[in-house]
Amino acid sequence: TPPTQVSAQASAPAATAPSSDYIGSTPWSNSDSDAAEGEPAATAQPLSFSPPSSAYSTSAQAPDSSLPQDDADDRTQLGVRYDTARVTFDTGVTYPFGGTIVLGRNPLAPASHPTASPVPVDDPQRSVSKTHVALTATREGVLVEDLHSTGGTVVVRADGEETPVLPGAPVHARAGDTVRYGQRSVVIDG
């Protein structure tokens, strides 16, 4: 017998024929179908759909009591959380940030940090590369990564100890440390 026809709302797109590996036991399948074994059941299209008012809706909902408590507590929460840091440039400008920033004369986010925010630095002496150094806020401080600069990058600890930052070998800087890149510098405030 042919599958039962299900009418859908006029604005819904036409259904395509299912493949032979169609899974008929889905919550939206027609469980009362008279279809022969092995044939797909016709699926009902929703009669109406109201999308949420915002993709970032913050309406609070009570946990589903049918879930075990562990599962209800472990549900993914929508949102992005960055550790934050604050640095002070040698010009006196203080810059708070979360995630990663890239410093340079004309910086671009490198492939290693595609979401990094570029922060251009004025350097008439050209001691700073176009894309010189990446600073990433972490719980431990700021992760400093030289991006194959020609002028080099050094973390100067609060006690005066200097730690060179080599490309591919990032170094953590803490509050009070100074990051020297080319002839410019930035102090980690926290």
N, C-alpha and C. Protein backbone atom coordinates (compact mmCIF):
# COMPACT_ATOMS: atom_id res chain seq x y z
N THR A 1 0.85 -1.19 0.00
CA THR A 1 0.00 0.00 0.00
C THR A 1 0.88 1.23 0.00
N PRO A 2 0.44 2.30 -0.68
CA PRO A 2 1.27 3.53 -0.70
C PRO A 2 1.22 4.22 0.64
N PRO A 3 2.27 5.00 0.94
CA PRO A 3 2.29 5.73 2.21
C PRO A 3 1.15 6.74 2.27
N THR A 4 0.68 6.99 3.47
CA THR A 4 -0.39 7.95 3.69
C THR A 4 0.12 9.35 3.39
N GLN A 5 -0.66 10.13 2.64
CA GLN A 5 -0.31 11.51 2.32
C GLN A 5 -0.58 12.39 3.54
N VAL A 6 0.30 13.28 3.85
CA VAL A 6 0.12 14.21 4.95
C VAL A 6 0.18 15.61 4.36
N SER A 7 -0.86 16.40 4.58
CA SER A 7 -0.84 17.75 4.02
C SER A 7 -0.05 18.65 4.96
N ALA A 8 0.65 19.61 4.34
CA ALA A 8 1.47 20.54 5.11
C ALA A 8 1.00 21.96 4.84
N GLN A 9 1.43 22.87 5.69
CA GLN A 9 1.10 24.28 5.52
C GLN A 9 1.63 24.74 4.17
N ALA A 10 0.92 25.61 3.50
CA ALA A 10 1.26 26.04 2.15
C ALA A 10 2.66 26.64 2.06
N SER A 11 3.14 27.27 3.10
CA SER A 11 4.45 27.94 3.03
C SER A 11 5.61 26.98 3.29
N ALA A 12 5.33 25.74 3.71
CA ALA A 12 6.40 24.79 3.99
C ALA A 12 6.96 24.26 2.69
N PRO A 13 8.27 24.01 2.60
CA PRO A 13 8.87 23.48 1.38
C PRO A 13 8.41 22.06 1.13
N ALA A 14 8.39 21.66 -0.12
CA ALA A 14 7.97 20.32 -0.49
C ALA A 14 8.96 19.31 0.04
N ALA A 15 8.46 18.18 0.51
CA ALA A 15 9.33 17.14 1.05
C ALA A 15 9.99 16.40 -0.09
N THR A 16 11.20 15.94 0.10
CA THR A 16 11.89 15.16 -0.91
C THR A 16 11.73 13.70 -0.55
N ALA A 17 11.83 12.85 -1.55
CA ALA A 17 11.66 11.42 -1.32
C ALA A 17 12.82 10.90 -0.49
N PRO A 18 12.52 10.13 0.55
CA PRO A 18 13.60 9.61 1.38
C PRO A 18 14.39 8.54 0.66
N SER A 19 15.64 8.35 1.06
CA SER A 19 16.49 7.33 0.47
C SER A 19 16.17 5.98 1.08
N SER A 20 16.77 4.93 0.53
CA SER A 20 16.50 3.57 1.01
C SER A 20 17.02 3.36 2.42
N ASP A 21 17.94 4.15 2.87
CA ASP A 21 18.45 4.00 4.22
C ASP A 21 17.74 4.94 5.20
N TYR A 22 16.55 5.32 4.84
CA TYR A 22 15.73 6.22 5.65
C TYR A 22 15.41 5.57 7.00
N ILE A 23 15.50 6.34 8.06
CA ILE A 23 15.18 5.86 9.40
C ILE A 23 13.76 6.31 9.69
N GLY A 24 12.85 5.37 9.79
CA GLY A 24 11.44 5.70 9.97
C GLY A 24 11.04 5.90 11.42
N SER A 25 11.87 5.51 12.36
CA SER A 25 11.49 5.61 13.76
C SER A 25 12.03 6.89 14.38
N THR A 26 11.48 8.00 13.97
CA THR A 26 11.85 9.29 14.53
C THR A 26 10.64 9.88 15.22
N PRO A 27 10.84 10.79 16.15
CA PRO A 27 9.71 11.36 16.87
C PRO A 27 8.71 12.05 15.95
N TRP A 28 9.14 12.49 14.80
CA TRP A 28 8.25 13.21 13.92
C TRP A 28 7.65 12.33 12.82
N SER A 29 7.98 11.01 12.84
CA SER A 29 7.42 10.13 11.83
C SER A 29 5.98 9.78 12.18
N ASN A 30 5.23 9.39 11.18
CA ASN A 30 3.83 9.04 11.34
C ASN A 30 3.77 7.61 11.87
N SER A 31 3.58 7.43 13.16
CA SER A 31 3.63 6.10 13.77
C SER A 31 2.41 5.25 13.43
N ASP A 32 1.32 5.84 12.93
CA ASP A 32 0.12 5.09 12.59
C ASP A 32 0.09 4.71 11.12
N SER A 33 1.20 4.79 10.43
CA SER A 33 1.25 4.55 9.00
C SER A 33 0.92 3.09 8.69
N ASP A 34 0.26 2.88 7.56
CA ASP A 34 -0.04 1.54 7.08
C ASP A 34 1.04 1.07 6.11
N ALA A 35 2.18 1.76 6.07
CA ALA A 35 3.23 1.42 5.12
C ALA A 35 3.79 0.04 5.42
N ALA A 36 4.17 -0.65 4.36
CA ALA A 36 4.73 -1.99 4.50
C ALA A 36 6.08 -1.90 5.18
N GLU A 37 6.49 -3.00 5.79
CA GLU A 37 7.78 -3.05 6.46
C GLU A 37 8.88 -2.70 5.48
N GLY A 38 9.84 -1.86 5.91
CA GLY A 38 10.94 -1.48 5.05
C GLY A 38 10.67 -0.21 4.26
N GLU A 39 9.40 0.21 4.15
CA GLU A 39 9.09 1.46 3.46
C GLU A 39 9.08 2.58 4.47
N PRO A 40 9.51 3.74 4.06
CA PRO A 40 9.52 4.85 5.01
C PRO A 40 8.12 5.34 5.34
N ALA A 41 7.95 5.75 6.56
CA ALA A 41 6.68 6.33 6.97
C ALA A 41 6.66 7.78 6.52
N ALA A 42 5.49 8.28 6.16
CA ALA A 42 5.38 9.68 5.77
C ALA A 42 5.62 10.54 6.99
N THR A 43 6.25 11.66 6.79
CA THR A 43 6.52 12.54 7.93
C THR A 43 5.61 13.74 7.87
N ALA A 44 5.14 14.14 9.01
CA ALA A 44 4.26 15.30 9.09
C ALA A 44 5.12 16.55 9.20
N GLN A 45 4.75 17.60 8.48
CA GLN A 45 5.42 18.88 8.57
C GLN A 45 4.75 19.68 9.67
N PRO A 46 5.48 20.49 10.40
CA PRO A 46 4.85 21.30 11.45
C PRO A 46 3.87 22.28 10.82
N LEU A 47 2.73 22.46 11.48
CA LEU A 47 1.73 23.37 10.96
C LEU A 47 2.10 24.82 11.20
N SER A 48 2.83 25.08 12.25
CA SER A 48 3.29 26.44 12.47
C SER A 48 4.58 26.39 13.25
N PHE A 49 5.35 27.43 13.09
CA PHE A 49 6.63 27.49 13.79
C PHE A 49 6.88 28.94 14.14
N SER A 50 7.22 29.19 15.38
CA SER A 50 7.56 30.53 15.82
C SER A 50 9.00 30.50 16.33
N PRO A 51 9.94 31.09 15.56
CA PRO A 51 11.32 31.09 16.03
C PRO A 51 11.46 31.94 17.27
N PRO A 52 12.48 31.67 18.08
CA PRO A 52 12.70 32.51 19.26
C PRO A 52 12.94 33.95 18.82
N SER A 53 12.63 34.88 19.70
CA SER A 53 12.77 36.29 19.35
C SER A 53 14.22 36.67 19.14
N SER A 54 15.15 35.92 19.71
CA SER A 54 16.56 36.22 19.55
C SER A 54 17.34 34.92 19.67
N ALA A 55 18.42 34.81 18.90
CA ALA A 55 19.28 33.63 19.00
C ALA A 55 19.97 33.58 20.35
N TYR A 56 20.00 34.70 21.04
CA TYR A 56 20.66 34.76 22.34
C TYR A 56 19.64 35.00 23.43
N SER A 57 18.50 34.38 23.31
CA SER A 57 17.44 34.56 24.29
C SER A 57 17.94 34.18 25.67
N THR A 58 17.60 34.99 26.64
CA THR A 58 18.09 34.74 28.00
C THR A 58 16.97 34.37 28.95
N SER A 59 15.82 33.96 28.40
CA SER A 59 14.72 33.63 29.30
C SER A 59 15.08 32.39 30.11
N ALA A 60 14.83 32.46 31.39
CA ALA A 60 15.17 31.36 32.28
C ALA A 60 14.08 30.29 32.19
N GLN A 61 14.50 29.04 32.15
CA GLN A 61 13.56 27.94 32.13
C GLN A 61 13.95 26.98 33.23
N ALA A 62 12.93 26.38 33.84
CA ALA A 62 13.19 25.39 34.87
C ALA A 62 13.79 24.15 34.23
N PRO A 63 14.71 23.47 34.89
CA PRO A 63 15.28 22.25 34.33
C PRO A 63 14.19 21.21 34.10
N ASP A 64 14.37 20.40 33.07
CA ASP A 64 13.44 19.34 32.75
C ASP A 64 13.54 18.29 33.85
N SER A 65 12.45 18.10 34.59
CA SER A 65 12.49 17.17 35.72
C SER A 65 12.59 15.73 35.27
N SER A 66 12.37 15.43 33.97
CA SER A 66 12.47 14.07 33.50
C SER A 66 13.94 13.64 33.32
N LEU A 67 14.86 14.61 33.30
CA LEU A 67 16.27 14.30 33.17
C LEU A 67 16.88 14.00 34.55
N PRO A 68 17.83 13.07 34.59
CA PRO A 68 18.55 12.90 35.86
C PRO A 68 19.22 14.22 36.22
N GLN A 69 19.40 14.47 37.50
CA GLN A 69 19.93 15.76 37.96
C GLN A 69 21.27 16.09 37.31
N ASP A 70 22.18 15.10 37.16
CA ASP A 70 23.47 15.37 36.55
C ASP A 70 23.31 15.91 35.13
N ASP A 71 22.41 15.29 34.34
CA ASP A 71 22.21 15.74 32.97
C ASP A 71 21.62 17.14 32.92
N ALA A 72 20.70 17.45 33.84
CA ALA A 72 20.09 18.78 33.85
C ALA A 72 21.14 19.84 34.18
N ASP A 73 22.08 19.54 35.05
CA ASP A 73 23.11 20.49 35.44
C ASP A 73 24.20 20.64 34.39
N ASP A 74 24.39 19.62 33.55
CA ASP A 74 25.49 19.62 32.59
C ASP A 74 25.10 20.15 31.22
N ARG A 75 23.91 20.69 31.07
CA ARG A 75 23.52 21.21 29.76
C ARG A 75 24.39 22.38 29.36
N THR A 76 24.69 22.48 28.09
CA THR A 76 25.52 23.56 27.57
C THR A 76 24.81 24.89 27.71
N GLN A 77 25.53 25.89 28.14
CA GLN A 77 24.99 27.23 28.27
C GLN A 77 25.45 28.06 27.08
N LEU A 78 24.55 28.87 26.51
CA LEU A 78 24.90 29.73 25.41
C LEU A 78 25.69 30.92 25.90
N GLY A 79 26.78 31.22 25.24
CA GLY A 79 27.57 32.38 25.61
C GLY A 79 29.05 32.12 25.41
N VAL A 80 29.80 33.17 25.35
CA VAL A 80 31.24 33.08 25.19
C VAL A 80 31.86 33.72 26.42
N ARG A 81 32.80 33.01 27.02
CA ARG A 81 33.47 33.55 28.19
C ARG A 81 34.95 33.66 27.89
N TYR A 82 35.46 34.82 28.03
CA TYR A 82 36.89 35.04 27.86
C TYR A 82 37.47 35.43 29.20
N ASP A 83 38.69 34.98 29.44
CA ASP A 83 39.43 35.55 30.55
C ASP A 83 39.80 36.96 30.11
N THR A 84 39.94 37.86 31.04
CA THR A 84 40.24 39.24 30.67
C THR A 84 41.57 39.67 31.27
N ALA A 85 42.14 40.68 30.63
CA ALA A 85 43.41 41.24 31.09
C ALA A 85 43.41 42.72 30.76
N ARG A 86 44.39 43.41 31.32
CA ARG A 86 44.55 44.84 31.02
C ARG A 86 46.04 45.10 30.88
N VAL A 87 46.37 45.86 29.83
CA VAL A 87 47.77 46.22 29.60
C VAL A 87 47.87 47.73 29.48
N THR A 88 49.05 48.27 29.77
CA THR A 88 49.31 49.70 29.59
C THR A 88 50.48 49.85 28.63
N PHE A 89 50.22 50.53 27.52
CA PHE A 89 51.25 50.76 26.51
C PHE A 89 52.24 51.81 27.00
N ASP A 90 53.42 51.84 26.36
CA ASP A 90 54.45 52.81 26.74
C ASP A 90 54.03 54.25 26.45
N THR A 91 52.90 54.42 25.79
CA THR A 91 52.35 55.76 25.55
C THR A 91 51.46 56.21 26.71
N GLY A 92 51.19 55.30 27.66
CA GLY A 92 50.31 55.60 28.79
C GLY A 92 48.89 55.15 28.58
N VAL A 93 48.56 54.66 27.40
CA VAL A 93 47.20 54.19 27.10
C VAL A 93 46.98 52.83 27.75
N THR A 94 45.89 52.71 28.51
CA THR A 94 45.51 51.43 29.12
C THR A 94 44.48 50.76 28.23
N TYR A 95 44.66 49.45 28.03
CA TYR A 95 43.80 48.71 27.09
C TYR A 95 43.31 47.42 27.75
N PRO A 96 42.04 47.36 28.15
CA PRO A 96 41.49 46.09 28.66
C PRO A 96 41.05 45.22 27.48
N PHE A 97 41.19 43.91 27.62
CA PHE A 97 40.78 43.02 26.53
C PHE A 97 40.44 41.63 27.06
N GLY A 98 39.72 40.91 26.24
CA GLY A 98 39.42 39.50 26.48
C GLY A 98 39.79 38.75 25.22
N GLY A 99 40.10 37.48 25.34
CA GLY A 99 40.52 36.73 24.16
C GLY A 99 41.93 37.09 23.76
N THR A 100 42.14 37.31 22.46
CA THR A 100 43.48 37.58 21.93
C THR A 100 43.51 38.89 21.17
N ILE A 101 44.58 39.66 21.37
CA ILE A 101 44.84 40.84 20.56
C ILE A 101 46.17 40.64 19.85
N VAL A 102 46.32 41.27 18.69
CA VAL A 102 47.56 41.19 17.93
C VAL A 102 48.10 42.60 17.77
N LEU A 103 49.35 42.81 18.20
CA LEU A 103 49.99 44.12 18.11
C LEU A 103 50.93 44.14 16.91
N GLY A 104 50.99 45.29 16.26
CA GLY A 104 51.89 45.47 15.13
C GLY A 104 51.63 46.81 14.47
N ARG A 105 52.48 47.16 13.48
CA ARG A 105 52.30 48.43 12.77
C ARG A 105 51.01 48.43 11.95
N ASN A 106 50.68 47.29 11.36
CA ASN A 106 49.45 47.14 10.57
C ASN A 106 48.99 45.69 10.73
N PRO A 107 48.58 45.29 11.94
CA PRO A 107 48.37 43.87 12.22
C PRO A 107 47.12 43.29 11.56
N LEU A 108 47.24 42.02 11.25
CA LEU A 108 46.12 41.21 10.78
C LEU A 108 46.05 39.98 11.68
N ALA A 109 44.85 39.47 11.88
CA ALA A 109 44.71 38.25 12.68
C ALA A 109 45.36 37.09 11.92
N PRO A 110 46.36 36.45 12.50
CA PRO A 110 47.03 35.33 11.81
C PRO A 110 46.16 34.07 11.83
N ALA A 111 46.51 33.11 11.01
CA ALA A 111 45.77 31.85 10.96
C ALA A 111 45.72 31.16 12.32
N SER A 112 46.77 31.34 13.11
CA SER A 112 46.81 30.72 14.44
C SER A 112 45.84 31.37 15.42
N HIS A 113 45.39 32.59 15.12
CA HIS A 113 44.45 33.32 15.98
C HIS A 113 43.43 34.05 15.10
N PRO A 114 42.56 33.31 14.40
CA PRO A 114 41.67 33.94 13.42
C PRO A 114 40.68 34.94 14.01
N THR A 115 40.38 34.84 15.30
CA THR A 115 39.42 35.76 15.91
C THR A 115 40.09 36.87 16.70
N ALA A 116 41.41 36.97 16.60
CA ALA A 116 42.15 37.99 17.35
C ALA A 116 41.78 39.38 16.87
N SER A 117 41.79 40.32 17.80
CA SER A 117 41.52 41.73 17.48
C SER A 117 42.85 42.42 17.19
N PRO A 118 42.96 43.05 16.01
CA PRO A 118 44.20 43.77 15.69
C PRO A 118 44.27 45.10 16.43
N VAL A 119 45.44 45.41 16.99
CA VAL A 119 45.68 46.68 17.68
C VAL A 119 46.91 47.32 17.03
N PRO A 120 46.69 48.31 16.16
CA PRO A 120 47.83 48.96 15.51
C PRO A 120 48.64 49.80 16.48
N VAL A 121 49.97 49.76 16.30
CA VAL A 121 50.90 50.49 17.15
C VAL A 121 51.70 51.45 16.27
N ASP A 122 51.74 52.72 16.67
CA ASP A 122 52.53 53.71 15.93
C ASP A 122 54.01 53.45 16.21
N ASP A 123 54.79 53.26 15.15
CA ASP A 123 56.22 52.98 15.31
C ASP A 123 56.98 53.57 14.13
N PRO A 124 57.28 54.88 14.19
CA PRO A 124 58.00 55.52 13.09
C PRO A 124 59.39 54.92 12.84
N GLN A 125 60.01 54.33 13.86
CA GLN A 125 61.33 53.71 13.69
C GLN A 125 61.25 52.36 12.97
N ARG A 126 60.04 51.82 12.82
CA ARG A 126 59.79 50.54 12.15
C ARG A 126 60.51 49.38 12.84
N SER A 127 60.60 49.43 14.16
CA SER A 127 61.19 48.33 14.92
C SER A 127 60.15 47.24 15.19
N VAL A 128 58.89 47.58 15.00
CA VAL A 128 57.78 46.66 15.21
C VAL A 128 57.34 46.12 13.85
N SER A 129 57.15 44.81 13.75
CA SER A 129 56.69 44.20 12.51
C SER A 129 55.22 44.56 12.28
N LYS A 130 54.77 44.34 11.03
CA LYS A 130 53.36 44.63 10.72
C LYS A 130 52.44 43.83 11.64
N THR A 131 52.70 42.56 11.79
CA THR A 131 51.97 41.70 12.73
C THR A 131 53.04 41.09 13.62
N HIS A 132 53.23 41.65 14.81
CA HIS A 132 54.41 41.36 15.62
C HIS A 132 54.17 40.31 16.71
N VAL A 133 53.18 40.56 17.57
CA VAL A 133 53.01 39.72 18.76
C VAL A 133 51.52 39.54 19.08
N ALA A 134 51.17 38.34 19.57
CA ALA A 134 49.81 38.06 20.03
C ALA A 134 49.80 38.00 21.54
N LEU A 135 48.82 38.66 22.16
CA LEU A 135 48.63 38.61 23.61
C LEU A 135 47.27 37.99 23.87
N THR A 136 47.26 36.90 24.64
CA THR A 136 46.01 36.20 24.94
C THR A 136 45.77 36.21 26.44
N ALA A 137 44.61 36.73 26.85
CA ALA A 137 44.24 36.75 28.27
C ALA A 137 43.95 35.32 28.73
N THR A 138 44.59 34.92 29.84
CA THR A 138 44.37 33.60 30.42
C THR A 138 44.19 33.75 31.92
N ARG A 139 43.82 32.67 32.58
CA ARG A 139 43.69 32.72 34.04
C ARG A 139 45.03 32.98 34.72
N GLU A 140 46.11 32.54 34.08
CA GLU A 140 47.45 32.68 34.66
C GLU A 140 48.07 34.04 34.38
N GLY A 141 47.46 34.85 33.54
CA GLY A 141 48.02 36.15 33.15
C GLY A 141 47.79 36.38 31.68
N VAL A 142 48.87 36.69 30.96
CA VAL A 142 48.77 36.94 29.52
C VAL A 142 49.77 36.03 28.82
N LEU A 143 49.29 35.28 27.85
CA LEU A 143 50.16 34.42 27.05
C LEU A 143 50.72 35.28 25.92
N VAL A 144 52.05 35.37 25.84
CA VAL A 144 52.74 36.22 24.86
C VAL A 144 53.32 35.31 23.78
N GLU A 145 52.96 35.58 22.51
CA GLU A 145 53.43 34.74 21.41
C GLU A 145 54.01 35.62 20.30
N ASP A 146 55.30 35.48 20.04
CA ASP A 146 55.93 36.20 18.93
C ASP A 146 55.44 35.58 17.62
N LEU A 147 55.02 36.42 16.69
CA LEU A 147 54.47 35.95 15.42
C LEU A 147 55.49 36.06 14.29
N HIS A 148 56.69 35.52 14.53
CA HIS A 148 57.79 35.52 13.56
C HIS A 148 58.20 36.95 13.20
N SER A 149 58.32 37.78 14.22
CA SER A 149 58.70 39.18 14.01
C SER A 149 60.18 39.27 13.69
N THR A 150 60.57 40.39 13.09
CA THR A 150 62.00 40.62 12.83
C THR A 150 62.67 41.32 14.01
N GLY A 151 61.89 42.07 14.81
CA GLY A 151 62.47 42.83 15.92
C GLY A 151 62.53 42.07 17.23
N GLY A 152 61.89 40.89 17.30
CA GLY A 152 61.93 40.08 18.51
C GLY A 152 60.98 40.54 19.60
N THR A 153 60.75 39.64 20.56
CA THR A 153 59.86 39.89 21.69
C THR A 153 60.51 39.32 22.95
N VAL A 154 60.45 40.09 24.04
CA VAL A 154 61.03 39.66 25.31
C VAL A 154 60.04 39.99 26.42
N VAL A 155 59.88 39.06 27.37
CA VAL A 155 59.12 39.33 28.59
C VAL A 155 60.13 39.69 29.66
N VAL A 156 60.00 40.91 30.20
CA VAL A 156 60.87 41.36 31.29
C VAL A 156 60.05 41.24 32.57
N ARG A 157 60.49 40.32 33.43
CA ARG A 157 59.79 40.06 34.69
C ARG A 157 59.90 41.26 35.62
N ALA A 158 58.99 41.33 36.58
CA ALA A 158 58.99 42.44 37.54
C ALA A 158 60.32 42.52 38.28
N ASP A 159 61.02 41.37 38.44
CA ASP A 159 62.32 41.38 39.13
C ASP A 159 63.49 41.67 38.19
N GLY A 160 63.21 41.97 36.90
CA GLY A 160 64.25 42.32 35.93
C GLY A 160 64.72 41.19 35.05
N GLU A 161 64.36 39.93 35.37
CA GLU A 161 64.77 38.79 34.55
C GLU A 161 64.12 38.90 33.17
N GLU A 162 64.91 38.66 32.12
CA GLU A 162 64.41 38.73 30.74
C GLU A 162 64.24 37.34 30.17
N THR A 163 63.06 37.09 29.58
CA THR A 163 62.77 35.81 28.95
C THR A 163 62.43 36.06 27.49
N PRO A 164 63.32 35.64 26.56
CA PRO A 164 63.01 35.81 25.13
C PRO A 164 61.79 34.97 24.75
N VAL A 165 60.95 35.52 23.86
CA VAL A 165 59.78 34.80 23.36
C VAL A 165 60.10 34.42 21.92
N LEU A 166 60.24 33.14 21.69
CA LEU A 166 60.57 32.65 20.36
C LEU A 166 59.29 32.25 19.63
N PRO A 167 59.25 32.39 18.29
CA PRO A 167 58.06 31.96 17.55
C PRO A 167 57.74 30.50 17.83
N GLY A 168 56.49 30.21 18.11
CA GLY A 168 56.06 28.85 18.42
C GLY A 168 56.30 28.43 19.85
N ALA A 169 56.86 29.30 20.68
CA ALA A 169 57.12 28.98 22.09
C ALA A 169 56.60 30.12 22.97
N PRO A 170 55.27 30.22 23.14
CA PRO A 170 54.70 31.32 23.92
C PRO A 170 55.15 31.29 25.38
N VAL A 171 55.13 32.47 25.99
CA VAL A 171 55.56 32.64 27.38
C VAL A 171 54.44 33.34 28.15
N HIS A 172 54.17 32.87 29.38
CA HIS A 172 53.18 33.55 30.22
C HIS A 172 53.80 34.76 30.92
N ALA A 173 53.10 35.87 30.85
CA ALA A 173 53.50 37.08 31.58
C ALA A 173 52.45 37.34 32.65
N ARG A 174 52.92 37.82 33.79
CA ARG A 174 52.03 38.07 34.93
C ARG A 174 51.96 39.58 35.20
N ALA A 175 51.05 39.94 36.06
CA ALA A 175 50.91 41.35 36.44
C ALA A 175 52.26 41.89 36.91
N GLY A 176 52.63 43.05 36.38
CA GLY A 176 53.90 43.67 36.72
C GLY A 176 54.99 43.39 35.70
N ASP A 177 54.82 42.36 34.86
CA ASP A 177 55.81 42.07 33.82
C ASP A 177 55.63 43.05 32.66
N THR A 178 56.71 43.23 31.90
CA THR A 178 56.70 44.09 30.71
C THR A 178 56.98 43.24 29.50
N VAL A 179 56.22 43.47 28.43
CA VAL A 179 56.48 42.79 27.16
C VAL A 179 57.13 43.83 26.25
N ARG A 180 58.37 43.54 25.86
CA ARG A 180 59.09 44.43 24.95
C ARG A 180 59.04 43.81 23.57
N TYR A 181 58.52 44.54 22.61
CA TYR A 181 58.43 44.06 21.22
C TYR A 181 59.00 45.16 20.32
N GLY A 182 60.08 44.82 19.61
CA GLY A 182 60.81 45.85 18.89
C GLY A 182 61.33 46.86 19.92
N GLN A 183 61.14 48.16 19.64
CA GLN A 183 61.54 49.21 20.59
C GLN A 183 60.35 49.72 21.38
N ARG A 184 59.25 49.02 21.35
CA ARG A 184 58.05 49.41 22.08
C ARG A 184 57.82 48.43 23.22
N SER A 185 56.94 48.81 24.16
CA SER A 185 56.66 47.92 25.29
C SER A 185 55.25 48.13 25.80
N VAL A 186 54.81 47.13 26.53
CA VAL A 186 53.50 47.15 27.16
C VAL A 186 53.64 46.45 28.51
N VAL A 187 53.01 47.01 29.55
CA VAL A 187 53.07 46.43 30.90
C VAL A 187 51.78 45.66 31.16
N ILE A 188 51.92 44.47 31.71
CA ILE A 188 50.75 43.66 32.06
C ILE A 188 50.22 44.17 33.40
N ASP A 189 48.98 44.67 33.39
CA ASP A 189 48.37 45.19 34.61
C ASP A 189 47.60 44.11 35.37
N GLY A 190 47.20 43.10 34.71
CA GLY A 190 46.44 42.04 35.38
C GLY A 190 45.38 41.48 34.53
